[in-house]
């Protein structure tokens, strides 16, 4: 029965390399299964393709040739063929690919014997630039009813990323699917293939590898276009929509989709990297990817593909960030998305510091604790610290530490690294004792005002009233010495309200303050 079924074949041609085109057509005409009609659309070719096509059309009556004078990237040719096909099944072959001689024979038998609306075969990939090959195939055939499509989604997904390498029953192929409104760079064949699957009753993937696909580095999938990342997002959402009718998406399927998305955006990043965009434009693209909610969810997945994609994006942001000489909003946005604990502290100015030998590993691991422990002891030895905005940098790293988030005084940070790390570890009592000793011994020099304010706040936090009052008196004395008389007066008023107006040190400061301008 199988050999009586008519099969419709469709190929669209535009300026295909002659040797590739001949191999494509010869692989069709030499099929062991001979009952087919072969529709070829010459989509405005301006090279030798048109003569080659005329030659084959004249040689074999199964070839039906149509020509469009101007190259048209829309899919109306395909829709027109689908509406006029006579075959029981449709199959598509790109003009630079080819089939094994028993492609039709084996797929038709597989489809008929298993009552399939869609029958798929594996592919061998020929990477021209690298001169290598790869293969997509299953160890044994897979056949599913529509109600089972969600159960083996990761197994067959790759076979539906393209519309070639399969037979589609005419009942499905003839249903027009208008995708013209989808403004995406690539992936419409994936969308179309899954629309076919949604319409099918039963599908199968044979264990054979009967289709050959040439991978060209110059194809549209490898060229930069502003819609590229938009396409990655669209395809992820389209996959979610395909699975939704089956109920809550399983952990297996969700994890798989995160990996597919992560690999897709990794390809997108590499295309951006190789493009002619400026550093600022590349960083904008990277920030858009990093900050997108789907990226954020995917990068929380521990699977290797997701983490490899995250690391790839992080490395690209670092590389472009070191070249940056202008506004750094996108750089900071990307780092905040990729490194939520350390990224808030990064700017275009201090990025070289975070990528230094001492900090880089901890920084890229988003180990804020490790970064602080490595950075703070280095502060006294860093040349030209203003260049890195070190005070603000350390302060931003301490955003979740109520006491230390107040501190951005570089003089204090350079003088009291050990004290800072005690507070970082919440060893507050030990830190308070150490600070009290330094004050009593007169050893507080650099960053004295910051030291005293921090001491006062720490004493309040620890409910150490004598230390709190001692710190207030010391701060009033400092303001008097530095002629900040209004600030000094304000603290004296606070001390009066606390019952300290007759304290010996308070009276002494008041006496020294008399006659000074307000």
Protein backbone atom coordinates (compact mmCIF):
# COMPACT_ATOMS: atom_id res chain seq x y z
CA UNK A 1 0.00 0.00 0.00
CA UNK A 2 2.78 2.40 0.92
CA UNK A 3 4.20 2.57 -2.57
CA UNK A 4 0.86 3.81 -3.92
CA UNK A 5 0.80 6.90 -1.71
CA UNK A 6 1.72 10.10 -3.54
CA UNK A 7 4.19 12.27 -1.64
CA UNK A 8 4.54 16.02 -2.22
CA UNK A 9 8.03 17.50 -1.90
CA UNK A 10 8.80 21.22 -1.63
CA UNK A 11 12.09 23.07 -2.16
CA UNK A 12 12.62 26.82 -2.40
CA UNK A 13 15.74 28.11 -4.16
CA UNK A 14 17.56 31.42 -4.13
CA UNK A 15 21.11 31.62 -5.51
CA UNK A 16 22.19 28.24 -4.16
CA UNK A 17 25.72 27.03 -4.90
CA UNK A 18 25.36 24.91 -8.05
CA UNK A 19 27.05 21.77 -6.72
CA UNK A 20 24.88 21.88 -3.58
CA UNK A 21 21.71 22.46 -5.58
CA UNK A 22 22.45 19.55 -7.90
CA UNK A 23 23.15 17.27 -4.96
CA UNK A 24 19.84 18.31 -3.41
CA UNK A 25 17.76 17.64 -6.52
CA UNK A 26 19.61 14.45 -7.45
CA UNK A 27 18.96 13.07 -3.95
CA UNK A 28 15.22 13.55 -4.56
CA UNK A 29 15.08 12.17 -8.08
CA UNK A 30 17.11 9.09 -7.10
CA UNK A 31 14.80 8.08 -4.25
CA UNK A 32 13.97 4.38 -4.10
CA UNK A 33 10.36 5.46 -3.49
CA UNK A 34 9.37 6.98 -6.82
CA UNK A 35 5.73 8.06 -6.39
CA UNK A 36 6.12 11.75 -5.66
CA UNK A 37 5.53 15.24 -7.04
CA UNK A 38 8.38 17.70 -6.58
CA UNK A 39 7.51 21.41 -6.32
CA UNK A 40 10.47 23.75 -6.73
CA UNK A 41 10.09 27.50 -6.39
CA UNK A 42 12.86 29.61 -7.90
CA UNK A 43 12.58 32.60 -5.59
CA UNK A 44 14.17 35.21 -7.87
CA UNK A 45 17.59 33.58 -8.34
CA UNK A 46 20.09 35.70 -10.26
CA UNK A 47 22.86 33.11 -10.62
CA UNK A 48 23.08 29.77 -12.41
CA UNK A 49 20.36 28.27 -10.19
CA UNK A 50 17.60 29.15 -12.63
CA UNK A 51 19.30 27.30 -15.50
CA UNK A 52 19.94 24.25 -13.30
CA UNK A 53 16.29 24.17 -12.27
CA UNK A 54 15.07 24.40 -15.86
CA UNK A 55 17.37 21.53 -16.77
CA UNK A 56 15.89 19.21 -14.14
CA UNK A 57 12.31 20.29 -14.84
CA UNK A 58 12.80 19.35 -18.50
CA UNK A 59 14.39 16.03 -17.55
CA UNK A 60 11.81 14.68 -15.08
CA UNK A 61 8.00 15.22 -15.30
CA UNK A 62 7.68 14.88 -11.52
CA UNK A 63 9.42 18.24 -11.15
CA UNK A 64 7.00 21.21 -11.11
CA UNK A 65 8.97 24.43 -11.41
CA UNK A 66 7.66 27.90 -10.59
CA UNK A 67 9.65 31.14 -10.69
CA UNK A 68 9.26 34.44 -8.86
CA UNK A 69 11.17 37.26 -10.48
CA UNK A 70 12.00 39.08 -7.25
CA UNK A 71 13.29 37.37 -4.12
CA UNK A 72 10.45 37.28 -1.60
CA UNK A 73 11.16 36.28 1.99
CA UNK A 74 7.52 35.71 2.90
CA UNK A 75 6.05 32.22 3.18
CA UNK A 76 3.28 32.58 0.62
CA UNK A 77 5.10 30.18 -1.74
CA UNK A 78 4.89 27.46 0.88
CA UNK A 79 1.21 28.15 1.58
CA UNK A 80 0.44 28.09 -2.13
CA UNK A 81 2.15 24.71 -2.55
CA UNK A 82 0.27 23.29 0.46
CA UNK A 83 -3.08 24.31 -0.97
CA UNK A 84 -2.29 22.75 -4.36
CA UNK A 85 -0.47 19.60 -3.31
CA UNK A 86 -1.99 16.24 -4.25
CA UNK A 87 0.17 14.06 -2.02
CA UNK A 88 -0.94 12.22 1.07
CA UNK A 89 2.07 13.69 2.88
CA UNK A 90 4.24 16.78 2.45
CA UNK A 91 7.98 16.91 3.09
CA UNK A 92 10.34 19.88 2.74
CA UNK A 93 13.97 19.93 1.66
CA UNK A 94 16.25 22.99 1.71
CA UNK A 95 18.04 23.67 -1.56
CA UNK A 96 21.53 22.98 -0.16
CA UNK A 97 20.62 19.83 1.81
CA UNK A 98 20.11 16.27 0.63
CA UNK A 99 18.54 12.92 1.50
CA UNK A 100 19.66 9.36 1.74
CA UNK A 101 18.20 7.31 -1.17
CA UNK A 102 15.67 5.55 1.09
CA UNK A 103 14.45 8.70 2.86
CA UNK A 104 10.93 8.52 1.40
CA UNK A 105 10.68 4.74 1.41
CA UNK A 106 11.53 4.39 5.08
CA UNK A 107 9.54 7.40 6.32
CA UNK A 108 6.42 6.48 4.35
CA UNK A 109 6.54 2.92 5.71
CA UNK A 110 7.08 4.24 9.24
CA UNK A 111 4.15 6.67 8.92
CA UNK A 112 1.72 4.11 7.46
CA UNK A 113 2.61 1.25 9.77
CA UNK A 114 2.16 3.46 12.86
CA UNK A 115 -0.80 5.53 11.58
CA UNK A 116 1.15 8.80 11.98
CA UNK A 117 0.19 12.33 11.06
CA UNK A 118 3.85 13.34 11.43
CA UNK A 119 6.85 11.06 10.86
CA UNK A 120 10.38 12.33 11.58
CA UNK A 121 13.88 11.09 10.80
CA UNK A 122 17.25 12.07 12.20
CA UNK A 123 19.77 14.40 10.56
CA UNK A 124 23.49 14.51 9.99
CA UNK A 125 24.90 18.03 10.32
CA UNK A 126 27.81 19.17 8.15
CA UNK A 127 29.59 22.20 9.66
CA UNK A 128 31.34 23.69 6.66
CA UNK A 129 33.48 26.25 8.48
CA UNK A 130 34.89 23.72 10.97
CA UNK A 131 34.92 20.77 8.59
CA UNK A 132 33.20 18.63 11.23
CA UNK A 133 29.99 16.64 11.46
CA UNK A 134 27.37 15.87 14.06
CA UNK A 135 24.30 13.70 14.23
CA UNK A 136 20.79 13.88 15.70
CA UNK A 137 19.11 10.51 16.10
CA UNK A 138 17.29 8.25 18.57
CA UNK A 139 18.50 4.76 19.52
CA UNK A 140 14.98 3.38 18.97
CA UNK A 141 11.76 4.68 17.37
CA UNK A 142 9.39 6.85 19.42
CA UNK A 143 5.63 6.93 18.75
CA UNK A 144 3.23 9.13 20.75
CA UNK A 145 -0.47 9.98 20.82
CA UNK A 146 -1.43 13.62 21.26
CA UNK A 147 -2.24 13.05 24.94
CA UNK A 148 1.37 11.94 25.49
CA UNK A 149 3.17 14.83 23.78
CA UNK A 150 4.12 16.51 27.05
CA UNK A 151 5.62 13.33 28.51
CA UNK A 152 8.56 13.04 26.09
CA UNK A 153 8.90 16.72 25.14
CA UNK A 154 12.70 16.92 25.69
CA UNK A 155 13.20 13.75 23.60
CA UNK A 156 11.55 14.94 20.40
CA UNK A 157 11.87 18.74 20.78
CA UNK A 158 14.94 19.03 18.54
CA UNK A 159 13.09 17.32 15.67
CA UNK A 160 10.50 20.10 15.67
CA UNK A 161 12.89 23.02 15.70
CA UNK A 162 12.82 22.81 11.90
CA UNK A 163 10.19 21.92 9.30
CA UNK A 164 12.46 19.62 7.29
CA UNK A 165 13.30 15.99 8.01
CA UNK A 166 9.69 14.88 8.39
CA UNK A 167 6.48 13.87 6.60
CA UNK A 168 3.38 15.96 7.34
CA UNK A 169 -0.06 14.59 6.54
CA UNK A 170 -1.96 16.69 4.01
CA UNK A 171 -4.82 17.30 6.49
CA UNK A 172 -2.37 19.23 8.64
CA UNK A 173 -0.18 20.75 5.92
CA UNK A 174 -3.18 22.29 4.17
CA UNK A 175 -4.28 24.18 7.26
CA UNK A 176 -2.90 27.65 6.62
CA UNK A 177 -0.80 28.97 9.49
CA UNK A 178 -0.27 32.71 9.08
CA UNK A 179 2.91 33.68 10.89
CA UNK A 180 3.54 36.88 8.96
CA UNK A 181 2.67 39.07 11.96
CA UNK A 182 5.48 37.59 14.06
CA UNK A 183 8.33 40.07 13.87
CA UNK A 184 11.15 37.70 14.81
CA UNK A 185 14.48 37.14 13.12
CA UNK A 186 14.51 33.37 13.10
CA UNK A 187 12.53 30.43 14.45
CA UNK A 188 9.37 30.69 12.37
CA UNK A 189 10.01 27.14 11.15
CA UNK A 190 10.05 26.04 14.80
CA UNK A 191 6.77 27.82 15.42
CA UNK A 192 5.27 26.24 12.29
CA UNK A 193 6.47 22.72 13.18
CA UNK A 194 4.91 22.92 16.63
CA UNK A 195 1.67 24.24 15.10
CA UNK A 196 1.67 21.08 13.00
CA UNK A 197 2.24 19.01 16.11
CA UNK A 198 -0.66 20.71 17.90
CA UNK A 199 -2.94 19.71 15.03
CA UNK A 200 -1.77 16.10 14.82
CA UNK A 201 -3.34 13.01 16.38
CA UNK A 202 -0.20 10.93 16.46
CA UNK A 203 3.47 11.47 15.75
CA UNK A 204 6.62 9.41 15.60
CA UNK A 205 10.39 9.76 15.36
CA UNK A 206 12.18 6.94 13.55
CA UNK A 207 15.61 5.77 14.66
CA UNK A 208 16.96 6.40 11.14
CA UNK A 209 19.25 9.27 10.07
CA UNK A 210 18.22 10.01 6.50
CA UNK A 211 18.55 13.79 6.15
CA UNK A 212 21.76 15.81 5.61
CA UNK A 213 21.95 19.45 6.65
CA UNK A 214 24.65 21.94 5.76
CA UNK A 215 25.43 24.47 8.51
CA UNK A 216 26.61 27.79 7.08
CA UNK A 217 28.19 30.37 9.37
CA UNK A 218 26.86 33.09 7.07
CA UNK A 219 23.18 32.12 7.48
CA UNK A 220 20.71 34.55 9.05
CA UNK A 221 20.90 32.64 12.33
CA UNK A 222 24.51 33.78 12.71
CA UNK A 223 24.02 37.44 11.76
CA UNK A 224 23.28 40.27 14.20
CA UNK A 225 19.83 41.80 14.07
CA UNK A 226 18.06 43.80 16.83
CA UNK A 227 15.26 41.21 16.74
CA UNK A 228 17.52 38.31 17.58
CA UNK A 229 17.06 38.27 21.36
CA UNK A 230 13.38 39.03 20.85
CA UNK A 231 13.24 35.79 18.85
CA UNK A 232 14.81 33.82 21.72
CA UNK A 233 12.14 35.14 24.08
CA UNK A 234 9.35 34.47 21.60
CA UNK A 235 10.39 30.84 21.08
CA UNK A 236 10.56 30.22 24.83
CA UNK A 237 7.07 31.63 25.34
CA UNK A 238 5.76 29.70 22.35
CA UNK A 239 7.06 26.46 23.90
CA UNK A 240 5.35 27.32 27.18
CA UNK A 241 2.09 27.91 25.29
CA UNK A 242 2.45 24.52 23.61
CA UNK A 243 2.75 22.74 26.96
CA UNK A 244 0.13 24.71 28.93
CA UNK A 245 -2.91 22.68 27.75
CA UNK A 246 -1.39 19.64 29.46
CA UNK A 247 -1.61 21.25 32.91
CA UNK A 248 1.18 22.48 35.19
CA UNK A 249 4.52 22.26 33.39
CA UNK A 250 6.64 19.49 34.86
CA UNK A 251 10.01 20.18 36.47
CA UNK A 252 11.61 18.09 33.72
CA UNK A 253 10.07 20.15 30.92
CA UNK A 254 10.67 23.49 32.64
CA UNK A 255 14.30 22.64 33.28
CA UNK A 256 14.69 21.53 29.68
CA UNK A 257 13.17 24.79 28.37
CA UNK A 258 15.53 26.82 30.54
CA UNK A 259 18.45 24.93 28.99
CA UNK A 260 17.15 25.49 25.45
CA UNK A 261 16.70 29.20 26.18
CA UNK A 262 20.14 29.47 27.82
CA UNK A 263 21.82 27.89 24.79
CA UNK A 264 19.87 30.18 22.46
CA UNK A 265 20.90 33.37 24.25
CA UNK A 266 24.49 32.12 24.40
CA UNK A 267 24.43 31.93 20.60
CA UNK A 268 22.88 35.41 20.53
CA UNK A 269 25.63 36.80 22.75
CA UNK A 270 28.31 35.38 20.50
CA UNK A 271 26.67 36.95 17.47
CA UNK A 272 26.58 40.30 19.32
CA UNK A 273 30.24 39.89 20.28
CA UNK A 274 31.27 39.37 16.65
CA UNK A 275 29.10 42.21 15.35
CA UNK A 276 30.24 45.72 14.49
CA UNK A 277 28.29 47.27 17.34
CA UNK A 278 30.10 49.75 19.57
CA UNK A 279 31.05 48.84 23.13
CA UNK A 280 28.11 50.85 24.45
CA UNK A 281 25.70 49.14 22.05
CA UNK A 282 26.99 45.69 22.95
CA UNK A 283 26.64 46.40 26.65
CA UNK A 284 23.09 47.56 26.06
CA UNK A 285 22.28 44.27 24.33
CA UNK A 286 23.96 42.25 27.08
CA UNK A 287 22.08 44.18 29.76
CA UNK A 288 18.77 43.52 28.00
CA UNK A 289 19.53 39.79 28.04
CA UNK A 290 20.80 39.74 31.63
CA UNK A 291 17.90 41.72 33.09
CA UNK A 292 15.12 39.86 31.28
CA UNK A 293 12.89 37.87 33.69
CA UNK A 294 13.26 34.66 31.67
CA UNK A 295 17.05 34.95 31.79
CA UNK A 296 16.89 35.53 35.52
CA UNK A 297 14.83 32.35 36.00
CA UNK A 298 16.97 30.30 33.61
CA UNK A 299 20.21 31.34 35.28
CA UNK A 300 18.91 30.17 38.65
CA UNK A 301 18.73 26.68 37.17
CA UNK A 302 21.82 24.68 38.22
CA UNK A 303 22.05 22.72 34.95
CA UNK A 304 25.37 23.04 33.12
CA UNK A 305 23.88 24.67 30.02
CA UNK A 306 22.31 27.44 32.10
CA UNK A 307 25.45 28.11 34.10
CA UNK A 308 27.65 28.02 30.99
CA UNK A 309 25.39 30.62 29.39
CA UNK A 310 25.50 32.80 32.50
CA UNK A 311 29.30 32.59 32.68
CA UNK A 312 29.53 33.38 28.98
CA UNK A 313 27.42 36.51 29.38
CA UNK A 314 29.34 37.56 32.47
CA UNK A 315 32.67 37.24 30.65
CA UNK A 316 31.39 39.28 27.70
CA UNK A 317 30.11 42.03 30.00
CA UNK A 318 33.50 42.13 31.74
CA UNK A 319 35.38 42.30 28.44
CA UNK A 320 33.29 45.16 27.07
CA UNK A 321 33.16 46.92 30.44
CA UNK A 322 36.95 47.25 30.48
CA UNK A 323 36.73 49.10 27.15
CA UNK A 324 34.05 51.48 28.36
CA UNK A 325 34.81 55.20 28.38
CA UNK A 326 31.32 56.62 28.57
CA UNK A 327 28.10 56.13 30.48
CA UNK A 328 28.00 52.92 32.46
CA UNK A 329 24.25 52.49 33.14
CA UNK A 330 24.00 49.33 31.04
CA UNK A 331 27.20 47.92 32.53
CA UNK A 332 25.81 48.38 36.03
CA UNK A 333 22.41 47.01 35.03
CA UNK A 334 24.01 43.87 33.59
CA UNK A 335 26.16 43.26 36.66
CA UNK A 336 23.29 43.83 39.06
CA UNK A 337 21.29 41.20 37.19
CA UNK A 338 24.13 38.67 36.91
CA UNK A 339 25.78 39.25 40.30
CA UNK A 340 23.02 40.40 42.67
CA UNK A 341 25.31 40.46 45.74
CA UNK A 342 28.35 42.19 44.22
CA UNK A 343 26.94 43.82 41.10
CA UNK A 344 25.46 46.82 42.91
CA UNK A 345 28.97 48.03 43.69
CA UNK A 346 30.30 47.89 40.12
CA UNK A 347 30.84 50.96 37.95
CA UNK A 348 32.85 51.64 34.85
CA UNK A 349 35.55 53.16 37.06
CA UNK A 350 36.02 50.37 39.58
CA UNK A 351 35.55 47.35 37.28
CA UNK A 352 39.34 46.95 36.79
CA UNK A 353 39.67 46.62 40.56
CA UNK A 354 37.03 43.86 40.74
CA UNK A 355 38.80 42.04 37.91
CA UNK A 356 42.21 42.29 39.58
CA UNK A 357 44.08 39.14 40.56
CA UNK A 358 43.07 39.47 44.22
CA UNK A 359 39.32 39.92 43.66
CA UNK A 360 38.35 38.43 40.30
CA UNK A 361 37.55 34.85 41.31
CA UNK A 362 35.45 35.91 44.30
CA UNK A 363 33.75 38.63 42.28
CA UNK A 364 32.73 36.37 39.40
CA UNK A 365 31.36 33.87 41.94
CA UNK A 366 29.27 36.70 43.41
CA UNK A 367 30.94 36.03 46.76
CA UNK A 368 30.36 39.35 48.48
CA UNK A 369 31.83 38.18 51.76
CA UNK A 370 34.97 37.00 49.98
CA UNK A 371 35.26 40.26 48.03
CA UNK A 372 34.98 42.38 51.17
CA UNK A 373 37.53 40.27 53.05
CA UNK A 374 39.97 40.56 50.15
CA UNK A 375 39.32 44.21 49.35
CA UNK A 376 39.32 45.95 52.74
CA UNK A 377 42.86 44.89 53.74
CA UNK A 378 44.07 46.07 50.33
CA UNK A 379 42.72 49.60 50.71
CA UNK A 380 45.83 51.20 52.25
CA UNK A 381 48.05 49.87 49.43
CA UNK A 382 45.88 50.82 46.45
CA UNK A 383 47.40 53.66 44.48
CA UNK A 384 45.14 56.53 43.42
CA UNK A 385 42.11 55.17 45.38
CA UNK A 386 39.88 58.00 44.17
CA UNK A 387 40.11 56.52 40.69
CA UNK A 388 38.13 53.50 41.87
CA UNK A 389 35.64 55.43 44.05
CA UNK A 390 36.70 53.10 46.86
CA UNK A 391 34.64 54.66 49.63
CA UNK A 392 31.41 54.35 47.69
CA UNK A 393 32.41 50.92 46.40
CA UNK A 394 32.84 49.47 49.89
CA UNK A 395 29.66 51.18 51.07
CA UNK A 396 27.61 49.55 48.30
CA UNK A 397 29.01 46.13 49.17
CA UNK A 398 27.68 46.69 52.71
CA UNK A 399 24.16 47.54 51.52
CA UNK A 400 22.63 44.85 53.75
CA UNK A 401 24.70 45.76 56.83
CA UNK A 402 22.90 48.52 58.81
CA UNK A 403 26.00 49.76 60.61
CA UNK A 404 28.57 49.59 57.83
CA UNK A 405 26.29 50.91 55.11
CA UNK A 406 26.79 54.33 56.71
CA UNK A 407 30.53 54.17 56.07
CA UNK A 408 32.03 55.59 52.86
CA UNK A 409 34.94 57.50 54.41
CA UNK A 410 38.08 56.25 52.66
CA UNK A 411 40.38 57.61 55.38
CA UNK A 412 38.51 55.54 57.98
CA UNK A 413 38.50 52.46 55.76
CA UNK A 414 42.22 52.66 55.14
CA UNK A 415 42.97 53.08 58.86
CA UNK A 416 40.71 50.47 60.44
CA UNK A 417 40.48 47.41 58.21
CA UNK A 418 40.62 44.97 61.13
CA UNK A 419 37.88 46.85 62.98
CA UNK A 420 35.72 46.96 59.85
CA UNK A 421 35.95 43.20 59.41
CA UNK A 422 35.00 42.63 63.07
CA UNK A 423 31.81 44.60 62.42
CA UNK A 424 31.29 42.79 59.11
CA UNK A 425 31.23 39.53 61.08
CA UNK A 426 28.85 41.08 63.66
CA UNK A 427 31.39 40.77 66.46
CA UNK A 428 29.93 43.96 67.88
CA UNK A 429 31.01 43.68 71.53
CA UNK A 430 34.60 42.97 70.58
CA UNK A 431 34.57 45.85 68.11
CA UNK A 432 33.11 48.24 70.71
CA UNK A 433 35.79 47.31 73.23
CA UNK A 434 38.50 47.82 70.63
CA UNK A 435 37.12 51.21 69.64
CA UNK A 436 36.86 52.30 73.27
CA UNK A 437 40.48 51.37 73.84
CA UNK A 438 41.62 53.36 70.79
CA UNK A 439 39.71 56.42 71.99
CA UNK A 440 41.08 56.20 75.54
CA UNK A 441 44.61 55.79 74.23
CA UNK A 442 44.24 58.69 71.80
CA UNK A 443 45.04 56.47 68.80
CA UNK A 444 42.11 57.49 66.60
CA UNK A 445 43.52 59.50 63.72
CA UNK A 446 42.24 59.06 60.17
CA UNK A 447 38.49 59.29 59.65
CA UNK A 448 37.87 60.40 63.25
CA UNK A 449 34.36 61.77 62.64
CA UNK A 450 33.27 58.56 60.90
CA UNK A 451 34.91 56.54 63.69
CA UNK A 452 32.96 58.43 66.39
CA UNK A 453 29.61 58.27 64.59
CA UNK A 454 30.08 54.55 64.05
CA UNK A 455 31.09 54.14 67.73
CA UNK A 456 27.99 56.00 68.91
CA UNK A 457 25.67 53.93 66.70
CA UNK A 458 27.35 50.70 67.77
CA UNK A 459 27.02 51.62 71.43
CA UNK A 460 23.32 52.37 70.93
CA UNK A 461 22.84 49.06 69.14
CA UNK A 462 24.54 47.21 72.01
CA UNK A 463 22.67 49.30 74.61
CA UNK A 464 25.95 50.46 76.13
CA UNK A 465 24.86 53.82 77.57
CA UNK A 466 28.23 54.90 79.09
CA UNK A 467 29.97 54.23 75.78
CA UNK A 468 27.21 56.08 73.92
CA UNK A 469 27.59 59.19 76.13
CA UNK A 470 31.38 58.96 75.97
CA UNK A 471 31.19 58.90 72.18
CA UNK A 472 28.86 61.90 72.08
CA UNK A 473 31.24 63.92 74.23
CA UNK A 474 34.18 62.95 72.04
CA UNK A 475 32.26 63.98 68.92
CA UNK A 476 31.32 67.36 70.45
CA UNK A 477 34.99 67.95 71.26
CA UNK A 478 35.95 67.07 67.67
CA UNK A 479 33.39 69.54 66.26
CA UNK A 480 34.72 72.22 68.61
CA UNK A 481 38.30 71.57 67.52
CA UNK A 482 37.34 71.66 63.83
CA UNK A 483 35.25 74.84 64.42
CA UNK A 484 31.96 73.18 63.49
CA UNK A 485 30.30 75.16 66.22
CA UNK A 486 26.69 74.59 65.22
CA UNK A 487 27.23 70.83 65.16
CA UNK A 488 28.97 71.02 68.51
CA UNK A 489 26.10 73.00 70.02
CA UNK A 490 23.54 70.49 68.72
CA UNK A 491 25.32 67.61 70.47
CA UNK A 492 25.60 69.61 73.72
CA UNK A 493 21.84 70.16 73.64
CA UNK A 494 21.36 66.40 73.22
CA UNK A 495 23.64 65.76 76.19
CA UNK A 496 21.73 68.27 78.32
CA UNK A 497 18.50 66.43 77.53
CA UNK A 498 20.17 63.19 78.62
CA UNK A 499 21.02 64.67 82.05
CA UNK A 500 24.66 65.38 81.24
CA UNK A 501 24.59 69.18 81.47
CA UNK A 502 26.71 69.24 84.62
CA UNK A 503 29.20 66.64 83.46
CA UNK A 504 32.78 67.90 83.78
CA UNK A 505 33.67 67.37 80.10
CA UNK A 506 30.38 68.90 78.92
CA UNK A 507 30.94 72.01 81.04
CA UNK A 508 34.47 72.35 79.70
CA UNK A 509 33.27 72.19 76.09
CA UNK A 510 30.49 74.71 76.82
CA UNK A 511 33.02 77.10 78.30
CA UNK A 512 35.25 76.80 75.22
CA UNK A 513 32.25 77.33 72.99
CA UNK A 514 31.25 80.65 74.58
CA UNK A 515 32.04 83.59 72.41
CA UNK A 516 32.31 81.48 69.28
CA UNK A 517 30.05 82.37 66.32
CA UNK A 518 26.85 80.35 65.92
